[in-house]
Each structure stands twice: as structure tokens, then as C-alpha cells.
Amino acid sequence: MADAFRRIFLNGPLYREWNGSMAEMDWLETPTSHVFKIDVPGLGRDEIKVQLEEGNVLLIEGRRAREESNQKEVIWHLAERGRGDFSRQIALPENVKIDHIKAGVENGVLTIVVAKDATPKPKSRNIAVSSKL
């Protein structure tokens, strides 16, 4: 155990870039909605962008700036909390109301609620075959 700490501190500062894989997500389905919970520690609503793209794809993006110190004598020994950009893309299921999407961030968790469409869409349909197109 002591070797791990020694390796961290003797090798100088460790900086970690934050990427999409670091923004961990849970996806829950209720009878009335799909709920996505994404970890975005330290980010406020102004640092997160949620948009719907073509093909019913939710795009979630965020940016965390590196904390800077104005003091000349500050020495960074470890910086693991991450910085930089992240993005997640979520292909929404077919049974959603894309005009009923809500998003909010609280305590480092971005929650996106997408209402489900109560009218079932046909899973299959007959296609008429003609002799000419």
C-alpha cells in the first residue's frame, strides 16, 4: 500500500482527462417514462448541454475546467477529479414523446426524464407489393 502512495507522489502530479466513459449513467424505465441519471460531479446547469439530434438521439455534453490557483507557492501533488470535456449519446427507444423531455441537475447528478408514448406503435406492417415501382 505504501508503494502505491509513494509511486503517486514521487512521479509528480497526476492529471486525469475526463471523457465520456467517466460520465457514468443509469437508465431506468417506469410505466410512464425513461429516466437517465448521469454523474456530472461539480457541474452546474450552465456547464451542461442536452439536445435532441436527428434519429431520436439525445446528446449530453459538459465541460469541467481545471481548477487554477493564483498563489505562486502552490504545489499540486495530485489532481484526479478530472477536467475537460465529456459527451454521451443515447439512442432513445421508439416509444417516447420527444416533445416531453425534462432535464435537471442536482447534487452532481443530471437527471433526464423522457415521457413514454401511451399509444403503441405497430411493430410490423404489411407492405403492398406491386409489379412496378
C-alpha atoms as a PDB file:
ATOM      1  CA  MET A   1       0.000   0.000   0.000  1.00  0.00           C
ATOM      2  CA  ALA A   2       2.792   2.413   0.851  1.00  0.00           C
ATOM      3  CA  ASP A   3       4.339   1.720  -2.554  1.00  0.00           C
ATOM      4  CA  ALA A   4       1.195   2.938  -4.307  1.00  0.00           C
ATOM      5  CA  PHE A   5       1.259   6.258  -2.446  1.00  0.00           C
ATOM      6  CA  ARG A   6       4.997   6.613  -2.961  1.00  0.00           C
ATOM      7  CA  ARG A   7       4.592   5.961  -6.699  1.00  0.00           C
ATOM      8  CA  ILE A   8       1.881   8.643  -6.963  1.00  0.00           C
ATOM      9  CA  PHE A   9       3.766  11.304  -5.059  1.00  0.00           C
ATOM     10  CA  LEU A  10       7.254  10.598  -6.361  1.00  0.00           C
ATOM     11  CA  ASN A  11       6.205  10.564 -10.008  1.00  0.00           C
ATOM     12  CA  GLY A  12       4.892  14.114  -9.791  1.00  0.00           C
ATOM     13  CA  PRO A  13       1.386  15.453 -10.355  1.00  0.00           C
ATOM     14  CA  LEU A  14      -1.140  13.125 -11.913  1.00  0.00           C
ATOM     15  CA  TYR A  15      -3.753  14.721 -14.164  1.00  0.00           C
ATOM     16  CA  ARG A  16      -6.759  12.863 -15.488  1.00  0.00           C
ATOM     17  CA  GLU A  17      -8.726  13.963 -18.511  1.00  0.00           C
ATOM     18  CA  TRP A  18     -12.474  13.497 -18.167  1.00  0.00           C
ATOM     19  CA  ASN A  19     -14.084  11.662 -21.056  1.00  0.00           C
ATOM     20  CA  GLY A  20     -17.459  10.118 -21.858  1.00  0.00           C
ATOM     21  CA  SER A  21     -16.598   6.894 -20.123  1.00  0.00           C
ATOM     22  CA  MET A  22     -16.110   8.819 -16.873  1.00  0.00           C
ATOM     23  CA  ALA A  23     -19.666  10.201 -17.039  1.00  0.00           C
ATOM     24  CA  GLU A  24     -21.324   7.072 -15.684  1.00  0.00           C
ATOM     25  CA  MET A  25     -25.020   6.581 -16.358  1.00  0.00           C
ATOM     26  CA  ASP A  26     -28.032   4.647 -15.088  1.00  0.00           C
ATOM     27  CA  TRP A  27     -31.097   4.058 -17.297  1.00  0.00           C
ATOM     28  CA  LEU A  28     -34.384   3.222 -15.583  1.00  0.00           C
ATOM     29  CA  GLU A  29     -37.744   2.566 -17.175  1.00  0.00           C
ATOM     30  CA  THR A  30     -41.001   3.245 -15.366  1.00  0.00           C
ATOM     31  CA  PRO A  31     -44.519   2.608 -16.689  1.00  0.00           C
ATOM     32  CA  THR A  32     -44.710   6.255 -17.857  1.00  0.00           C
ATOM     33  CA  SER A  33     -41.135   7.292 -18.694  1.00  0.00           C
ATOM     34  CA  HIS A  34     -37.485   6.539 -19.324  1.00  0.00           C
ATOM     35  CA  VAL A  35     -35.159   8.079 -16.721  1.00  0.00           C
ATOM     36  CA  PHE A  36     -31.450   8.663 -17.338  1.00  0.00           C
ATOM     37  CA  LYS A  37     -29.163   9.565 -14.424  1.00  0.00           C
ATOM     38  CA  ILE A  38     -25.659  10.717 -15.358  1.00  0.00           C
ATOM     39  CA  ASP A  39     -22.863  11.561 -12.925  1.00  0.00           C
ATOM     40  CA  VAL A  40     -21.617  15.110 -13.512  1.00  0.00           C
ATOM     41  CA  PRO A  41     -19.845  15.973 -10.239  1.00  0.00           C
ATOM     42  CA  GLY A  42     -19.077  19.627  -9.761  1.00  0.00           C
ATOM     43  CA  LEU A  43     -21.002  20.825 -12.826  1.00  0.00           C
ATOM     44  CA  GLY A  44     -23.878  23.277 -12.763  1.00  0.00           C
ATOM     45  CA  ARG A  45     -26.674  23.675 -15.264  1.00  0.00           C
ATOM     46  CA  ASP A  46     -24.722  26.286 -17.253  1.00  0.00           C
ATOM     47  CA  GLU A  47     -21.896  23.815 -17.882  1.00  0.00           C
ATOM     48  CA  ILE A  48     -24.146  21.053 -19.268  1.00  0.00           C
ATOM     49  CA  LYS A  49     -25.830  20.932 -22.668  1.00  0.00           C
ATOM     50  CA  VAL A  50     -28.620  18.478 -23.525  1.00  0.00           C
ATOM     51  CA  GLN A  51     -30.035  18.395 -27.031  1.00  0.00           C
ATOM     52  CA  LEU A  52     -32.046  16.092 -29.265  1.00  0.00           C
ATOM     53  CA  GLU A  53     -30.469  15.227 -32.595  1.00  0.00           C
ATOM     54  CA  GLU A  54     -31.878  13.563 -35.685  1.00  0.00           C
ATOM     55  CA  GLY A  55     -32.923   9.982 -35.264  1.00  0.00           C
ATOM     56  CA  ASN A  56     -34.087  10.499 -31.655  1.00  0.00           C
ATOM     57  CA  VAL A  57     -30.579  10.652 -30.230  1.00  0.00           C
ATOM     58  CA  LEU A  58     -30.003  12.572 -27.001  1.00  0.00           C
ATOM     59  CA  LEU A  59     -26.631  14.316 -26.901  1.00  0.00           C
ATOM     60  CA  ILE A  60     -25.316  15.283 -23.470  1.00  0.00           C
ATOM     61  CA  GLU A  61     -22.169  17.418 -23.307  1.00  0.00           C
ATOM     62  CA  GLY A  62     -20.315  19.126 -20.498  1.00  0.00           C
ATOM     63  CA  ARG A  63     -17.068  20.831 -19.695  1.00  0.00           C
ATOM     64  CA  ARG A  64     -15.153  20.988 -16.443  1.00  0.00           C
ATOM     65  CA  ALA A  65     -12.321  23.493 -16.308  1.00  0.00           C
ATOM     66  CA  ARG A  66      -9.167  22.762 -14.368  1.00  0.00           C
ATOM     67  CA  GLU A  67      -9.033  24.495 -11.032  1.00  0.00           C
ATOM     68  CA  GLU A  68      -6.293  27.094 -11.054  1.00  0.00           C
ATOM     69  CA  SER A  69      -4.541  28.713  -8.125  1.00  0.00           C
ATOM     70  CA  ASN A  70      -3.287  32.283  -8.201  1.00  0.00           C
ATOM     71  CA  GLN A  71      -0.823  31.620  -5.410  1.00  0.00           C
ATOM     72  CA  LYS A  72       2.794  31.285  -6.552  1.00  0.00           C
ATOM     73  CA  GLU A  73       3.813  28.818  -3.870  1.00  0.00           C
ATOM     74  CA  VAL A  74       1.074  26.249  -4.509  1.00  0.00           C
ATOM     75  CA  ILE A  75       2.308  22.794  -5.480  1.00  0.00           C
ATOM     76  CA  TRP A  76      -0.154  20.325  -6.994  1.00  0.00           C
ATOM     77  CA  HIS A  77       0.577  16.822  -5.776  1.00  0.00           C
ATOM     78  CA  LEU A  78      -2.472  15.078  -7.158  1.00  0.00           C
ATOM     79  CA  ALA A  79      -5.350  16.064  -9.451  1.00  0.00           C
ATOM     80  CA  GLU A  80      -7.747  13.156 -10.011  1.00  0.00           C
ATOM     81  CA  ARG A  81     -11.116  14.905 -10.086  1.00  0.00           C
ATOM     82  CA  GLY A  82     -10.854  15.286 -13.840  1.00  0.00           C
ATOM     83  CA  ARG A  83     -11.135  18.163 -16.238  1.00  0.00           C
ATOM     84  CA  GLY A  84     -12.017  18.657 -19.866  1.00  0.00           C
ATOM     85  CA  ASP A  85     -14.988  17.734 -21.999  1.00  0.00           C
ATOM     86  CA  PHE A  86     -17.344  14.801 -21.904  1.00  0.00           C
ATOM     87  CA  SER A  87     -20.214  13.696 -24.080  1.00  0.00           C
ATOM     88  CA  ARG A  88     -22.719  10.872 -24.097  1.00  0.00           C
ATOM     89  CA  GLN A  89     -25.104   9.888 -26.858  1.00  0.00           C
ATOM     90  CA  ILE A  90     -28.258   7.956 -26.062  1.00  0.00           C
ATOM     91  CA  ALA A  91     -30.405   6.437 -28.806  1.00  0.00           C
ATOM     92  CA  LEU A  92     -33.925   6.815 -27.465  1.00  0.00           C
ATOM     93  CA  PRO A  93     -36.411   3.959 -27.843  1.00  0.00           C
ATOM     94  CA  GLU A  94     -39.289   4.327 -30.272  1.00  0.00           C
ATOM     95  CA  ASN A  95     -41.981   4.627 -27.589  1.00  0.00           C
ATOM     96  CA  VAL A  96     -41.068   8.143 -26.365  1.00  0.00           C
ATOM     97  CA  LYS A  97     -42.602  11.582 -26.665  1.00  0.00           C
ATOM     98  CA  ILE A  98     -39.688  13.671 -27.898  1.00  0.00           C
ATOM     99  CA  ASP A  99     -41.568  16.876 -27.095  1.00  0.00           C
ATOM    100  CA  HIS A 100     -41.806  15.820 -23.420  1.00  0.00           C
ATOM    101  CA  ILE A 101     -38.168  15.727 -22.291  1.00  0.00           C
ATOM    102  CA  LYS A 102     -37.124  17.311 -18.992  1.00  0.00           C
ATOM    103  CA  ALA A 103     -33.617  17.659 -17.572  1.00  0.00           C
ATOM    104  CA  GLY A 104     -32.287  18.860 -14.224  1.00  0.00           C
ATOM    105  CA  VAL A 105     -29.056  18.682 -12.279  1.00  0.00           C
ATOM    106  CA  GLU A 106     -28.835  18.316  -8.511  1.00  0.00           C
ATOM    107  CA  ASN A 107     -26.049  17.128  -6.212  1.00  0.00           C
ATOM    108  CA  GLY A 108     -23.783  16.150  -9.110  1.00  0.00           C
ATOM    109  CA  VAL A 109     -26.384  14.050 -10.927  1.00  0.00           C
ATOM    110  CA  LEU A 110     -28.001  15.060 -14.210  1.00  0.00           C
ATOM    111  CA  THR A 111     -31.471  13.510 -14.464  1.00  0.00           C
ATOM    112  CA  ILE A 112     -33.252  13.372 -17.819  1.00  0.00           C
ATOM    113  CA  VAL A 113     -36.859  12.193 -17.913  1.00  0.00           C
ATOM    114  CA  VAL A 114     -38.375  11.225 -21.262  1.00  0.00           C
ATOM    115  CA  ALA A 115     -42.118  10.541 -21.239  1.00  0.00           C
ATOM    116  CA  LYS A 116     -43.303   7.349 -22.895  1.00  0.00           C
ATOM    117  CA  ASP A 117     -45.903   7.383 -25.639  1.00  0.00           C
ATOM    118  CA  ALA A 118     -49.004   5.539 -24.436  1.00  0.00           C
ATOM    119  CA  THR A 119     -50.141   4.632 -27.946  1.00  0.00           C
ATOM    120  CA  PRO A 120     -48.197   1.595 -29.078  1.00  0.00           C
ATOM    121  CA  LYS A 121     -46.525   1.877 -32.445  1.00  0.00           C
ATOM    122  CA  PRO A 122     -47.041  -1.063 -34.769  1.00  0.00           C
ATOM    123  CA  LYS A 123     -44.086  -3.438 -34.655  1.00  0.00           C
ATOM    124  CA  SER A 124     -44.843  -4.810 -38.087  1.00  0.00           C
ATOM    125  CA  ARG A 125     -46.995  -3.859 -41.012  1.00  0.00           C
ATOM    126  CA  ASN A 126     -47.870  -5.270 -44.386  1.00  0.00           C
ATOM    127  CA  ILE A 127     -46.306  -3.642 -47.396  1.00  0.00           C
ATOM    128  CA  ALA A 128     -48.151  -3.931 -50.677  1.00  0.00           C
ATOM    129  CA  VAL A 129     -46.079  -5.401 -53.475  1.00  0.00           C
ATOM    130  CA  SER A 130     -46.749  -4.095 -56.963  1.00  0.00           C
ATOM    131  CA  SER A 131     -45.448  -5.256 -60.308  1.00  0.00           C
ATOM    132  CA  LYS A 132     -43.734  -1.914 -60.964  1.00  0.00           C
ATOM    133  CA  LEU A 133     -42.204   0.712 -58.684  1.00  0.00           C
END
